[in-house]
Amino acid sequence: MKEEAGIKNTYTFNKNSKPMQLDPQIAIDSPFRSIKREDWKNLNGKILHNFSSEDLENLHALNEPLTNQEIEEVYVPLSHLLEIHIDRFQSLHQRTNRFFGKEESKLPYIIGIAGSVAVGKSTTARVLQRVLSMLPSKPKVDLVTTDGFLYPNQQLIEKGILNRKGFPESYDAKRLIHFLSAVKSGAPKITVPVYSHLVYDVLPDDQQQIIEQPDILIVEGINVLQVNSQRPRKGHSVFVSDFFDYSIYVHASEKNLIEWYTNRFESLRATAFQNPASFFHKYANMSAEESHAMAVNIWNEINKPNLIKNILPTRYRADLILEKGSHHFVKNVKVRKI
């Protein structure tokens, strides 16, 4: 088997895996199947991707542990499920071409990933991008985060909402929708704004990301499944999620979220915040106790209200929900029935 970039691929299919057991609390009168991790991992088919420690380091975010076991037991089965949906999508494209008697190019399959601040969306998105790119068809998979579609800080200041960054009104939703519309219109080359967490702002236009007709596009952001909270104006009732072919919500309890957020804030205070170029350099000399208190205050004043009002209510709009336990590892998967 071919080895690439420190990854060893071994394929041994297990055709005798036990039938998955569904959570009885959701198995009846629910649009979702609830599958415990112990059963979900058996859907892997025993395709092994042994990522190197360097690969794992590049894929996970700060304070978010990632192991080969997590990838094998959670993300490989997820990639198999998505492959089924993608194959159906491509088959429909081919049949439609035959119906119209035209040979139009296939459009990217778009996957949306939503969830709270600190839940680990970026790690999920990066791992999924990597695993999907290793499917037998070797698709081209691009990843875009909606942070780039935040209004620049100067505009947020002028609007008086800098302290509401991450809330629906802080995003240039029109620009994001135009981008997704261009993707689904088959545009050959699209530029995407890029956000820097170091300077806490959108970067200049000469540092934009370029998207050139990927087979799969992953769009990650806390706001991607929101609809009602965006309150569209008359004549503008198109939402970001309208362009998704599949959507994933990463979920965790608020107790875990605030713990992960405060721990991350403290880690950043001791590292990235020490950089004079950092927007948060003003917090660099805080004590651990002061840092914790500041993080809790930011959570309670900004992130918690946004979670409760705008993000959490979108959970059951997703096609699949990854439910995390206390150590950032997925413990349960909910999949919308078909």
C-alpha atoms as a PDB file:
ATOM      1  CA  MET A   1       0.000   0.000   0.000  1.00  0.00           C
ATOM      2  CA  LYS A   2       1.310   3.416  -0.935  1.00  0.00           C
ATOM      3  CA  GLU A   3       2.603   5.619   1.890  1.00  0.00           C
ATOM      4  CA  GLU A   4       2.300   9.384   1.658  1.00  0.00           C
ATOM      5  CA  ALA A   5       3.289  12.261   3.968  1.00  0.00           C
ATOM      6  CA  GLY A   6       3.999  10.030   6.934  1.00  0.00           C
ATOM      7  CA  ILE A   7       0.640   8.245   6.656  1.00  0.00           C
ATOM      8  CA  LYS A   8       0.371   4.498   6.307  1.00  0.00           C
ATOM      9  CA  ASN A   9      -2.893   3.251   4.812  1.00  0.00           C
ATOM     10  CA  THR A  10      -3.999  -0.282   5.603  1.00  0.00           C
ATOM     11  CA  TYR A  11      -7.291  -1.657   4.296  1.00  0.00           C
ATOM     12  CA  THR A  12      -8.839  -4.704   5.980  1.00  0.00           C
ATOM     13  CA  PHE A  13     -12.615  -4.833   5.852  1.00  0.00           C
ATOM     14  CA  ASN A  14     -14.581  -6.339   8.702  1.00  0.00           C
ATOM     15  CA  LYS A  15     -17.779  -7.835   7.300  1.00  0.00           C
ATOM     16  CA  ASN A  16     -18.817  -9.401  10.605  1.00  0.00           C
ATOM     17  CA  SER A  17     -19.303  -6.261  12.679  1.00  0.00           C
ATOM     18  CA  LYS A  18     -22.218  -6.381  15.116  1.00  0.00           C
ATOM     19  CA  PRO A  19     -25.436  -4.438  14.402  1.00  0.00           C
ATOM     20  CA  MET A  20     -25.312  -0.991  15.989  1.00  0.00           C
ATOM     21  CA  GLN A  21     -27.419  -0.365  19.092  1.00  0.00           C
ATOM     22  CA  LEU A  22     -29.532   2.777  19.142  1.00  0.00           C
ATOM     23  CA  ASP A  23     -30.149   4.962  22.163  1.00  0.00           C
ATOM     24  CA  PRO A  24     -33.735   4.066  23.234  1.00  0.00           C
ATOM     25  CA  GLN A  25     -34.421   7.667  24.250  1.00  0.00           C
ATOM     26  CA  ILE A  26     -34.122   8.871  20.677  1.00  0.00           C
ATOM     27  CA  ALA A  27     -34.813   5.728  18.649  1.00  0.00           C
ATOM     28  CA  ILE A  28     -38.586   6.284  18.805  1.00  0.00           C
ATOM     29  CA  ASP A  29     -40.367   9.357  17.439  1.00  0.00           C
ATOM     30  CA  SER A  30     -37.158  11.131  16.492  1.00  0.00           C
ATOM     31  CA  PRO A  31     -35.723  12.117  13.108  1.00  0.00           C
ATOM     32  CA  PHE A  32     -32.277  11.030  14.342  1.00  0.00           C
ATOM     33  CA  ARG A  33     -30.521   7.742  14.946  1.00  0.00           C
ATOM     34  CA  SER A  34     -28.423   8.003  18.102  1.00  0.00           C
ATOM     35  CA  ILE A  35     -25.337   5.805  17.860  1.00  0.00           C
ATOM     36  CA  LYS A  36     -22.930   5.257  20.724  1.00  0.00           C
ATOM     37  CA  ARG A  37     -19.239   5.533  19.924  1.00  0.00           C
ATOM     38  CA  GLU A  38     -18.704   1.820  20.589  1.00  0.00           C
ATOM     39  CA  ASP A  39     -21.117   1.016  17.761  1.00  0.00           C
ATOM     40  CA  TRP A  40     -20.168   3.903  15.493  1.00  0.00           C
ATOM     41  CA  LYS A  41     -16.517   2.823  15.355  1.00  0.00           C
ATOM     42  CA  ASN A  42     -17.560  -0.587  13.989  1.00  0.00           C
ATOM     43  CA  LEU A  43     -18.807   1.188  10.867  1.00  0.00           C
ATOM     44  CA  ASN A  44     -15.194   1.996  10.008  1.00  0.00           C
ATOM     45  CA  GLY A  45     -14.707  -1.047   7.808  1.00  0.00           C
ATOM     46  CA  LYS A  46     -11.237  -1.256   9.407  1.00  0.00           C
ATOM     47  CA  ILE A  47      -9.553   1.229   7.094  1.00  0.00           C
ATOM     48  CA  LEU A  48      -6.490   2.337   9.004  1.00  0.00           C
ATOM     49  CA  HIS A  49      -4.757   5.692   8.536  1.00  0.00           C
ATOM     50  CA  ASN A  50      -1.737   5.921  10.794  1.00  0.00           C
ATOM     51  CA  PHE A  51      -1.077   9.641  11.042  1.00  0.00           C
ATOM     52  CA  SER A  52       2.332  10.736  12.274  1.00  0.00           C
ATOM     53  CA  SER A  53       2.687  12.838  15.419  1.00  0.00           C
ATOM     54  CA  GLU A  54       3.525  15.803  13.180  1.00  0.00           C
ATOM     55  CA  ASP A  55       0.315  15.294  11.206  1.00  0.00           C
ATOM     56  CA  LEU A  56      -1.740  15.173  14.393  1.00  0.00           C
ATOM     57  CA  GLU A  57      -0.036  18.304  15.687  1.00  0.00           C
ATOM     58  CA  ASN A  58      -0.939  20.200  12.516  1.00  0.00           C
ATOM     59  CA  LEU A  59      -4.553  19.038  12.555  1.00  0.00           C
ATOM     60  CA  HIS A  60      -5.641  19.772  16.116  1.00  0.00           C
ATOM     61  CA  ALA A  61      -6.144  23.167  17.743  1.00  0.00           C
ATOM     62  CA  LEU A  62      -4.724  24.398  21.038  1.00  0.00           C
ATOM     63  CA  ASN A  63      -5.780  22.284  24.044  1.00  0.00           C
ATOM     64  CA  GLU A  64      -7.794  19.932  21.822  1.00  0.00           C
ATOM     65  CA  PRO A  65      -6.297  16.437  22.035  1.00  0.00           C
ATOM     66  CA  LEU A  66      -6.340  14.376  18.858  1.00  0.00           C
ATOM     67  CA  THR A  67      -5.271  10.764  18.456  1.00  0.00           C
ATOM     68  CA  ASN A  68      -5.157   8.194  15.683  1.00  0.00           C
ATOM     69  CA  GLN A  69      -7.809   6.311  17.627  1.00  0.00           C
ATOM     70  CA  GLU A  70     -10.172   9.298  17.489  1.00  0.00           C
ATOM     71  CA  ILE A  71      -9.663   9.585  13.747  1.00  0.00           C
ATOM     72  CA  GLU A  72     -10.177   5.864  13.170  1.00  0.00           C
ATOM     73  CA  GLU A  73     -13.218   5.508  15.411  1.00  0.00           C
ATOM     74  CA  VAL A  74     -15.034   8.760  14.590  1.00  0.00           C
ATOM     75  CA  TYR A  75     -13.866  10.450  11.411  1.00  0.00           C
ATOM     76  CA  VAL A  76     -13.210   7.458   9.167  1.00  0.00           C
ATOM     77  CA  PRO A  77     -16.785   6.118   9.604  1.00  0.00           C
ATOM     78  CA  LEU A  78     -18.016   9.683   9.043  1.00  0.00           C
ATOM     79  CA  SER A  79     -16.047   9.876   5.801  1.00  0.00           C
ATOM     80  CA  HIS A  80     -17.652   6.593   4.657  1.00  0.00           C
ATOM     81  CA  LEU A  81     -21.125   7.970   5.366  1.00  0.00           C
ATOM     82  CA  LEU A  82     -20.341  11.198   3.532  1.00  0.00           C
ATOM     83  CA  GLU A  83     -18.957   9.206   0.624  1.00  0.00           C
ATOM     84  CA  ILE A  84     -22.397   7.606   0.209  1.00  0.00           C
ATOM     85  CA  HIS A  85     -24.027  11.037   0.046  1.00  0.00           C
ATOM     86  CA  ILE A  86     -21.363  12.411  -2.300  1.00  0.00           C
ATOM     87  CA  ASP A  87     -21.747   9.421  -4.649  1.00  0.00           C
ATOM     88  CA  ARG A  88     -25.496  10.031  -4.750  1.00  0.00           C
ATOM     89  CA  PHE A  89     -24.864  13.719  -5.447  1.00  0.00           C
ATOM     90  CA  GLN A  90     -22.546  12.907  -8.346  1.00  0.00           C
ATOM     91  CA  SER A  91     -24.908  10.287  -9.737  1.00  0.00           C
ATOM     92  CA  LEU A  92     -27.735  12.830  -9.738  1.00  0.00           C
ATOM     93  CA  HIS A  93     -25.471  15.242 -11.608  1.00  0.00           C
ATOM     94  CA  GLN A  94     -24.741  12.650 -14.292  1.00  0.00           C
ATOM     95  CA  ARG A  95     -28.399  11.715 -14.694  1.00  0.00           C
ATOM     96  CA  THR A  96     -29.404  15.361 -14.893  1.00  0.00           C
ATOM     97  CA  ASN A  97     -26.805  15.947 -17.602  1.00  0.00           C
ATOM     98  CA  ARG A  98     -28.309  13.100 -19.594  1.00  0.00           C
ATOM     99  CA  PHE A  99     -31.809  14.473 -19.064  1.00  0.00           C
ATOM    100  CA  PHE A 100     -30.862  17.913 -20.429  1.00  0.00           C
ATOM    101  CA  GLY A 101     -28.524  16.502 -23.051  1.00  0.00           C
ATOM    102  CA  LYS A 102     -25.639  18.626 -21.798  1.00  0.00           C
ATOM    103  CA  GLU A 103     -22.237  17.906 -20.288  1.00  0.00           C
ATOM    104  CA  GLU A 104     -22.013  20.556 -17.611  1.00  0.00           C
ATOM    105  CA  SER A 105     -19.194  20.349 -15.056  1.00  0.00           C
ATOM    106  CA  LYS A 106     -20.092  18.971 -11.655  1.00  0.00           C
ATOM    107  CA  LEU A 107     -20.392  21.423  -8.792  1.00  0.00           C
ATOM    108  CA  PRO A 108     -18.629  21.205  -5.424  1.00  0.00           C
ATOM    109  CA  TYR A 109     -20.324  19.237  -2.650  1.00  0.00           C
ATOM    110  CA  ILE A 110     -20.585  21.637   0.302  1.00  0.00           C
ATOM    111  CA  ILE A 111     -20.403  20.477   3.926  1.00  0.00           C
ATOM    112  CA  GLY A 112     -21.240  22.942   6.704  1.00  0.00           C
ATOM    113  CA  ILE A 113     -19.812  22.551  10.217  1.00  0.00           C
ATOM    114  CA  ALA A 114     -21.349  24.517  13.098  1.00  0.00           C
ATOM    115  CA  GLY A 115     -21.009  24.626  16.868  1.00  0.00           C
ATOM    116  CA  SER A 116     -20.048  26.807  19.816  1.00  0.00           C
ATOM    117  CA  VAL A 117     -16.867  28.733  20.424  1.00  0.00           C
ATOM    118  CA  ALA A 118     -14.241  26.355  21.932  1.00  0.00           C
ATOM    119  CA  VAL A 119     -16.113  23.170  20.964  1.00  0.00           C
ATOM    120  CA  GLY A 120     -13.455  22.125  18.451  1.00  0.00           C
ATOM    121  CA  LYS A 121     -15.045  22.937  15.086  1.00  0.00           C
ATOM    122  CA  SER A 122     -11.730  23.853  13.496  1.00  0.00           C
ATOM    123  CA  THR A 123     -10.160  20.533  14.491  1.00  0.00           C
ATOM    124  CA  THR A 124     -13.207  18.647  13.203  1.00  0.00           C
ATOM    125  CA  ALA A 125     -13.056  20.580   9.930  1.00  0.00           C
ATOM    126  CA  ARG A 126      -9.332  19.998   9.386  1.00  0.00           C
ATOM    127  CA  VAL A 127      -9.489  16.299  10.229  1.00  0.00           C
ATOM    128  CA  LEU A 128     -12.522  15.796   8.009  1.00  0.00           C
ATOM    129  CA  GLN A 129     -10.787  17.646   5.176  1.00  0.00           C
ATOM    130  CA  ARG A 130      -7.793  15.337   5.482  1.00  0.00           C
ATOM    131  CA  VAL A 131      -9.753  12.089   5.799  1.00  0.00           C
ATOM    132  CA  LEU A 132     -12.123  12.923   2.927  1.00  0.00           C
ATOM    133  CA  SER A 133      -9.144  13.719   0.684  1.00  0.00           C
ATOM    134  CA  MET A 134      -7.931  10.150   1.325  1.00  0.00           C
ATOM    135  CA  LEU A 135     -11.068   8.498  -0.045  1.00  0.00           C
ATOM    136  CA  PRO A 136     -10.403   6.128  -2.984  1.00  0.00           C
ATOM    137  CA  SER A 137     -11.420   8.811  -5.505  1.00  0.00           C
ATOM    138  CA  LYS A 138      -8.836  11.233  -3.984  1.00  0.00           C
ATOM    139  CA  PRO A 139     -11.160  14.271  -4.146  1.00  0.00           C
ATOM    140  CA  LYS A 140      -9.861  17.811  -3.890  1.00  0.00           C
ATOM    141  CA  VAL A 141     -11.158  19.131  -0.553  1.00  0.00           C
ATOM    142  CA  ASP A 142     -10.963  22.818   0.397  1.00  0.00           C
ATOM    143  CA  LEU A 143     -11.794  24.412   3.740  1.00  0.00           C
ATOM    144  CA  VAL A 144     -13.166  27.903   4.380  1.00  0.00           C
ATOM    145  CA  THR A 145     -13.935  29.426   7.773  1.00  0.00           C
ATOM    146  CA  THR A 146     -16.616  32.081   8.116  1.00  0.00           C
ATOM    147  CA  ASP A 147     -14.318  34.176  10.347  1.00  0.00           C
ATOM    148  CA  GLY A 148     -13.070  35.758   7.127  1.00  0.00           C
ATOM    149  CA  PHE A 149     -16.574  37.088   6.513  1.00  0.00           C
ATOM    150  CA  LEU A 150     -16.668  39.051   9.751  1.00  0.00           C
ATOM    151  CA  TYR A 151     -16.830  42.778   9.209  1.00  0.00           C
ATOM    152  CA  PRO A 152     -13.395  44.396   9.744  1.00  0.00           C
ATOM    153  CA  ASN A 153     -12.873  45.781  13.243  1.00  0.00           C
ATOM    154  CA  GLN A 154     -13.176  49.371  12.040  1.00  0.00           C
ATOM    155  CA  GLN A 155     -16.653  48.692  10.683  1.00  0.00           C
ATOM    156  CA  LEU A 156     -17.637  46.849  13.865  1.00  0.00           C
ATOM    157  CA  ILE A 157     -16.467  49.847  15.893  1.00  0.00           C
ATOM    158  CA  GLU A 158     -18.455  52.212  13.679  1.00  0.00           C
ATOM    159  CA  LYS A 159     -21.527  50.000  14.153  1.00  0.00           C
ATOM    160  CA  GLY A 160     -20.891  49.873  17.912  1.00  0.00           C
ATOM    161  CA  ILE A 161     -20.771  46.059  17.955  1.00  0.00           C
ATOM    162  CA  LEU A 162     -17.086  45.183  18.346  1.00  0.00           C
ATOM    163  CA  ASN A 163     -17.991  43.450  21.602  1.00  0.00           C
ATOM    164  CA  ARG A 164     -20.534  41.337  19.688  1.00  0.00           C
ATOM    165  CA  LYS A 165     -18.045  39.797  17.284  1.00  0.00           C
ATOM    166  CA  GLY A 166     -19.371  36.340  16.463  1.00  0.00           C
ATOM    167  CA  PHE A 167     -23.026  37.362  16.744  1.00  0.00           C
ATOM    168  CA  PRO A 168     -25.025  37.183  13.481  1.00  0.00           C
ATOM    169  CA  GLU A 169     -24.931  40.945  12.950  1.00  0.00           C
ATOM    170  CA  SER A 170     -21.107  40.979  13.007  1.00  0.00           C
ATOM    171  CA  TYR A 171     -20.885  38.984   9.759  1.00  0.00           C
ATOM    172  CA  ASP A 172     -21.121  40.262   6.222  1.00  0.00           C
ATOM    173  CA  ALA A 173     -23.795  37.662   5.442  1.00  0.00           C
ATOM    174  CA  LYS A 174     -24.411  39.132   1.998  1.00  0.00           C
ATOM    175  CA  ARG A 175     -20.774  38.598   1.012  1.00  0.00           C
ATOM    176  CA  LEU A 176     -20.779  35.063   2.413  1.00  0.00           C
ATOM    177  CA  ILE A 177     -23.941  34.172   0.513  1.00  0.00           C
ATOM    178  CA  HIS A 178     -22.510  35.651  -2.688  1.00  0.00           C
ATOM    179  CA  PHE A 179     -19.412  33.480  -2.211  1.00  0.00           C
ATOM    180  CA  LEU A 180     -21.457  30.313  -1.739  1.00  0.00           C
ATOM    181  CA  SER A 181     -23.661  31.229  -4.681  1.00  0.00           C
ATOM    182  CA  ALA A 182     -20.558  31.583  -6.847  1.00  0.00           C
ATOM    183  CA  VAL A 183     -19.337  28.158  -5.683  1.00  0.00           C
ATOM    184  CA  LYS A 184     -22.673  26.565  -6.554  1.00  0.00           C
ATOM    185  CA  SER A 185     -22.722  28.406  -9.883  1.00  0.00           C
ATOM    186  CA  GLY A 186     -19.490  26.727 -10.944  1.00  0.00           C
ATOM    187  CA  ALA A 187     -17.257  29.823 -10.825  1.00  0.00           C
ATOM    188  CA  PRO A 188     -13.730  28.707 -11.769  1.00  0.00           C
ATOM    189  CA  LYS A 189     -11.859  30.918  -9.298  1.00  0.00           C
ATOM    190  CA  ILE A 190     -13.145  32.689  -6.194  1.00  0.00           C
ATOM    191  CA  THR A 191     -11.266  34.767  -3.635  1.00  0.00           C
ATOM    192  CA  VAL A 192     -12.156  34.450   0.047  1.00  0.00           C
ATOM    193  CA  PRO A 193     -11.246  36.890   2.842  1.00  0.00           C
ATOM    194  CA  VAL A 194      -8.970  35.519   5.558  1.00  0.00           C
ATOM    195  CA  TYR A 195      -9.167  36.245   9.292  1.00  0.00           C
ATOM    196  CA  SER A 196      -6.167  36.482  11.619  1.00  0.00           C
ATOM    197  CA  HIS A 197      -6.673  35.449  15.237  1.00  0.00           C
ATOM    198  CA  LEU A 198      -3.356  37.106  16.053  1.00  0.00           C
ATOM    199  CA  VAL A 199      -4.459  40.608  15.065  1.00  0.00           C
ATOM    200  CA  TYR A 200      -8.138  39.778  15.714  1.00  0.00           C
ATOM    201  CA  ASP A 201      -9.183  41.193  12.356  1.00  0.00           C
ATOM    202  CA  VAL A 202      -9.787  40.416   8.694  1.00  0.00           C
ATOM    203  CA  LEU A 203      -6.565  40.569   6.672  1.00  0.00           C
ATOM    204  CA  PRO A 204      -6.071  42.895   3.664  1.00  0.00           C
ATOM    205  CA  ASP A 205      -7.367  41.788   0.263  1.00  0.00           C
ATOM    206  CA  ASP A 206      -3.876  40.868  -0.958  1.00  0.00           C
ATOM    207  CA  GLN A 207      -3.851  37.985   1.550  1.00  0.00           C
ATOM    208  CA  GLN A 208      -7.072  36.296   0.468  1.00  0.00           C
ATOM    209  CA  GLN A 209      -7.645  32.568   0.029  1.00  0.00           C
ATOM    210  CA  ILE A 210      -8.304  31.270  -3.488  1.00  0.00           C
ATOM    211  CA  ILE A 211     -10.898  28.564  -4.160  1.00  0.00           C
ATOM    212  CA  GLU A 212     -10.712  26.833  -7.538  1.00  0.00           C
ATOM    213  CA  GLN A 213     -13.524  24.327  -8.095  1.00  0.00           C
ATOM    214  CA  PRO A 214     -12.856  21.734  -5.391  1.00  0.00           C
ATOM    215  CA  ASP A 215     -14.748  18.446  -5.406  1.00  0.00           C
ATOM    216  CA  ILE A 216     -15.721  19.080  -1.778  1.00  0.00           C
ATOM    217  CA  LEU A 217     -15.864  22.373   0.114  1.00  0.00           C
ATOM    218  CA  ILE A 218     -16.079  22.445   3.930  1.00  0.00           C
ATOM    219  CA  VAL A 219     -17.492  25.661   5.412  1.00  0.00           C
ATOM    220  CA  GLU A 220     -16.872  25.979   9.148  1.00  0.00           C
ATOM    221  CA  GLY A 221     -18.283  28.599  11.514  1.00  0.00           C
ATOM    222  CA  ILE A 222     -20.474  29.164  14.544  1.00  0.00           C
ATOM    223  CA  ASN A 223     -23.165  30.904  12.481  1.00  0.00           C
ATOM    224  CA  VAL A 224     -23.572  28.670   9.451  1.00  0.00           C
ATOM    225  CA  LEU A 225     -26.867  27.018  10.447  1.00  0.00           C
ATOM    226  CA  GLN A 226     -28.591  30.154  11.715  1.00  0.00           C
ATOM    227  CA  VAL A 227     -31.718  31.381   9.963  1.00  0.00           C
ATOM    228  CA  ASN A 228     -34.280  33.132  12.147  1.00  0.00           C
ATOM    229  CA  SER A 229     -31.702  35.184  14.032  1.00  0.00           C
ATOM    230  CA  GLN A 230     -30.461  36.700  10.778  1.00  0.00           C
ATOM    231  CA  ARG A 231     -33.821  38.399  10.193  1.00  0.00           C
ATOM    232  CA  PRO A 232     -33.498  38.813   6.425  1.00  0.00           C
ATOM    233  CA  ARG A 233     -34.796  41.969   4.861  1.00  0.00           C
ATOM    234  CA  LYS A 234     -37.673  41.873   2.433  1.00  0.00           C
ATOM    235  CA  GLY A 235     -36.561  40.167  -0.753  1.00  0.00           C
ATOM    236  CA  HIS A 236     -33.481  38.592   0.865  1.00  0.00           C
ATOM    237  CA  SER A 237     -34.599  35.259   2.297  1.00  0.00           C
ATOM    238  CA  VAL A 238     -31.602  33.153   1.249  1.00  0.00           C
ATOM    239  CA  PHE A 239     -29.540  31.687   4.082  1.00  0.00           C
ATOM    240  CA  VAL A 240     -26.037  30.261   4.284  1.00  0.00           C
ATOM    241  CA  SER A 241     -27.320  26.769   5.027  1.00  0.00           C
ATOM    242  CA  ASP A 242     -29.386  26.779   1.804  1.00  0.00           C
ATOM    243  CA  PHE A 243     -26.160  26.060  -0.069  1.00  0.00           C
ATOM    244  CA  PHE A 244     -25.129  23.074   2.057  1.00  0.00           C
ATOM    245  CA  ASP A 245     -25.429  19.530   0.781  1.00  0.00           C
ATOM    246  CA  TYR A 246     -24.699  18.161   4.259  1.00  0.00           C
ATOM    247  CA  SER A 247     -24.375  19.793   7.674  1.00  0.00           C
ATOM    248  CA  ILE A 248     -22.650  18.792  10.909  1.00  0.00           C
ATOM    249  CA  TYR A 249     -23.072  20.260  14.393  1.00  0.00           C
ATOM    250  CA  VAL A 250     -20.359  19.727  17.011  1.00  0.00           C
ATOM    251  CA  HIS A 251     -21.963  19.677  20.458  1.00  0.00           C
ATOM    252  CA  ALA A 252     -20.758  19.691  24.062  1.00  0.00           C
ATOM    253  CA  SER A 253     -22.268  20.632  27.424  1.00  0.00           C
ATOM    254  CA  GLU A 254     -21.879  24.234  28.541  1.00  0.00           C
ATOM    255  CA  LYS A 255     -19.899  23.005  31.553  1.00  0.00           C
ATOM    256  CA  ASN A 256     -17.300  21.512  29.231  1.00  0.00           C
ATOM    257  CA  LEU A 257     -17.380  24.482  26.874  1.00  0.00           C
ATOM    258  CA  ILE A 258     -16.595  27.054  29.542  1.00  0.00           C
ATOM    259  CA  GLU A 259     -13.816  24.846  30.928  1.00  0.00           C
ATOM    260  CA  TRP A 260     -12.278  24.453  27.467  1.00  0.00           C
ATOM    261  CA  TYR A 261     -12.638  28.161  26.745  1.00  0.00           C
ATOM    262  CA  THR A 262     -11.006  29.313  29.984  1.00  0.00           C
ATOM    263  CA  ASN A 263      -8.181  26.776  29.638  1.00  0.00           C
ATOM    264  CA  ARG A 264      -7.555  27.913  26.068  1.00  0.00           C
ATOM    265  CA  PHE A 265      -7.569  31.565  27.094  1.00  0.00           C
ATOM    266  CA  GLU A 266      -4.944  30.866  29.767  1.00  0.00           C
ATOM    267  CA  SER A 267      -2.793  28.897  27.289  1.00  0.00           C
ATOM    268  CA  LEU A 268      -3.009  31.762  24.800  1.00  0.00           C
ATOM    269  CA  ARG A 269      -2.126  34.288  27.516  1.00  0.00           C
ATOM    270  CA  ALA A 270       1.081  32.367  28.151  1.00  0.00           C
ATOM    271  CA  THR A 271       1.903  32.001  24.442  1.00  0.00           C
ATOM    272  CA  ALA A 272       0.266  33.941  21.589  1.00  0.00           C
ATOM    273  CA  PHE A 273      -0.748  36.906  23.762  1.00  0.00           C
ATOM    274  CA  GLN A 274       2.948  37.467  24.576  1.00  0.00           C
ATOM    275  CA  ASN A 275       3.465  38.568  20.976  1.00  0.00           C
ATOM    276  CA  PRO A 276       3.353  42.398  20.855  1.00  0.00           C
ATOM    277  CA  ALA A 277       1.463  42.113  17.539  1.00  0.00           C
ATOM    278  CA  SER A 278      -1.375  40.261  19.241  1.00  0.00           C
ATOM    279  CA  PHE A 279      -4.641  42.147  19.722  1.00  0.00           C
ATOM    280  CA  PHE A 280      -4.778  40.568  23.184  1.00  0.00           C
ATOM    281  CA  HIS A 281      -1.218  41.507  24.190  1.00  0.00           C
ATOM    282  CA  LYS A 282      -2.767  43.700  26.891  1.00  0.00           C
ATOM    283  CA  TYR A 283      -3.646  40.492  28.758  1.00  0.00           C
ATOM    284  CA  ALA A 284      -0.126  39.044  28.570  1.00  0.00           C
ATOM    285  CA  ASN A 285       0.964  40.104  32.063  1.00  0.00           C
ATOM    286  CA  MET A 286      -2.130  38.885  33.874  1.00  0.00           C
ATOM    287  CA  SER A 287      -1.770  36.311  36.608  1.00  0.00           C
ATOM    288  CA  ALA A 288      -3.372  32.897  36.125  1.00  0.00           C
ATOM    289  CA  GLU A 289      -6.191  33.948  38.465  1.00  0.00           C
ATOM    290  CA  GLU A 290      -6.788  37.211  36.595  1.00  0.00           C
ATOM    291  CA  SER A 291      -6.688  35.386  33.272  1.00  0.00           C
ATOM    292  CA  HIS A 292      -9.269  32.874  34.453  1.00  0.00           C
ATOM    293  CA  ALA A 293     -11.556  35.641  35.747  1.00  0.00           C
ATOM    294  CA  MET A 294     -11.258  37.542  32.459  1.00  0.00           C
ATOM    295  CA  ALA A 295     -12.046  34.433  30.414  1.00  0.00           C
ATOM    296  CA  VAL A 296     -15.105  33.646  32.526  1.00  0.00           C
ATOM    297  CA  ASN A 297     -16.308  37.224  32.132  1.00  0.00           C
ATOM    298  CA  ILE A 298     -15.895  37.128  28.337  1.00  0.00           C
ATOM    299  CA  TRP A 299     -17.733  33.813  28.234  1.00  0.00           C
ATOM    300  CA  ASN A 300     -20.645  35.053  30.329  1.00  0.00           C
ATOM    301  CA  GLU A 301     -20.931  38.426  28.582  1.00  0.00           C
ATOM    302  CA  ILE A 302     -20.428  37.363  24.956  1.00  0.00           C
ATOM    303  CA  ASN A 303     -20.049  33.666  24.188  1.00  0.00           C
ATOM    304  CA  LYS A 304     -22.785  32.287  26.441  1.00  0.00           C
ATOM    305  CA  PRO A 305     -25.554  34.617  25.205  1.00  0.00           C
ATOM    306  CA  ASN A 306     -24.537  33.915  21.606  1.00  0.00           C
ATOM    307  CA  LEU A 307     -24.555  30.176  22.269  1.00  0.00           C
ATOM    308  CA  ILE A 308     -27.976  30.162  23.916  1.00  0.00           C
ATOM    309  CA  LYS A 309     -29.712  32.585  21.558  1.00  0.00           C
ATOM    310  CA  ASN A 310     -28.114  31.913  18.187  1.00  0.00           C
ATOM    311  CA  ILE A 311     -26.014  28.757  18.040  1.00  0.00           C
ATOM    312  CA  LEU A 312     -27.516  25.996  20.182  1.00  0.00           C
ATOM    313  CA  PRO A 313     -31.032  26.397  18.705  1.00  0.00           C
ATOM    314  CA  THR A 314     -29.596  25.379  15.305  1.00  0.00           C
ATOM    315  CA  ARG A 315     -28.325  21.996  16.522  1.00  0.00           C
ATOM    316  CA  TYR A 316     -31.223  19.923  15.239  1.00  0.00           C
ATOM    317  CA  ARG A 317     -31.113  21.594  11.831  1.00  0.00           C
ATOM    318  CA  ALA A 318     -27.958  19.592  11.152  1.00  0.00           C
ATOM    319  CA  ASP A 319     -27.839  16.283   9.315  1.00  0.00           C
ATOM    320  CA  LEU A 320     -25.391  14.872  11.852  1.00  0.00           C
ATOM    321  CA  ILE A 321     -24.432  15.808  15.416  1.00  0.00           C
ATOM    322  CA  LEU A 322     -21.092  14.909  16.994  1.00  0.00           C
ATOM    323  CA  GLU A 323     -21.548  14.876  20.779  1.00  0.00           C
ATOM    324  CA  LYS A 324     -18.344  15.343  22.753  1.00  0.00           C
ATOM    325  CA  GLY A 325     -17.483  14.209  26.260  1.00  0.00           C
ATOM    326  CA  SER A 326     -15.369  15.953  28.873  1.00  0.00           C
ATOM    327  CA  HIS A 327     -12.014  15.252  27.181  1.00  0.00           C
ATOM    328  CA  HIS A 328     -12.918  16.634  23.735  1.00  0.00           C
ATOM    329  CA  PHE A 329     -13.451  13.141  22.336  1.00  0.00           C
ATOM    330  CA  VAL A 330     -16.706  12.238  20.589  1.00  0.00           C
ATOM    331  CA  LYS A 331     -18.890   9.938  22.694  1.00  0.00           C
ATOM    332  CA  ASN A 332     -22.066   9.760  20.607  1.00  0.00           C
ATOM    333  CA  VAL A 333     -23.227  10.464  17.050  1.00  0.00           C
ATOM    334  CA  LYS A 334     -26.726  11.452  15.982  1.00  0.00           C
ATOM    335  CA  VAL A 335     -27.548  10.943  12.310  1.00  0.00           C
ATOM    336  CA  ARG A 336     -30.677  12.234  10.618  1.00  0.00           C
ATOM    337  CA  LYS A 337     -32.781   9.387   9.272  1.00  0.00           C
ATOM    338  CA  ILE A 338     -33.397   9.046   5.544  1.00  0.00           C
END
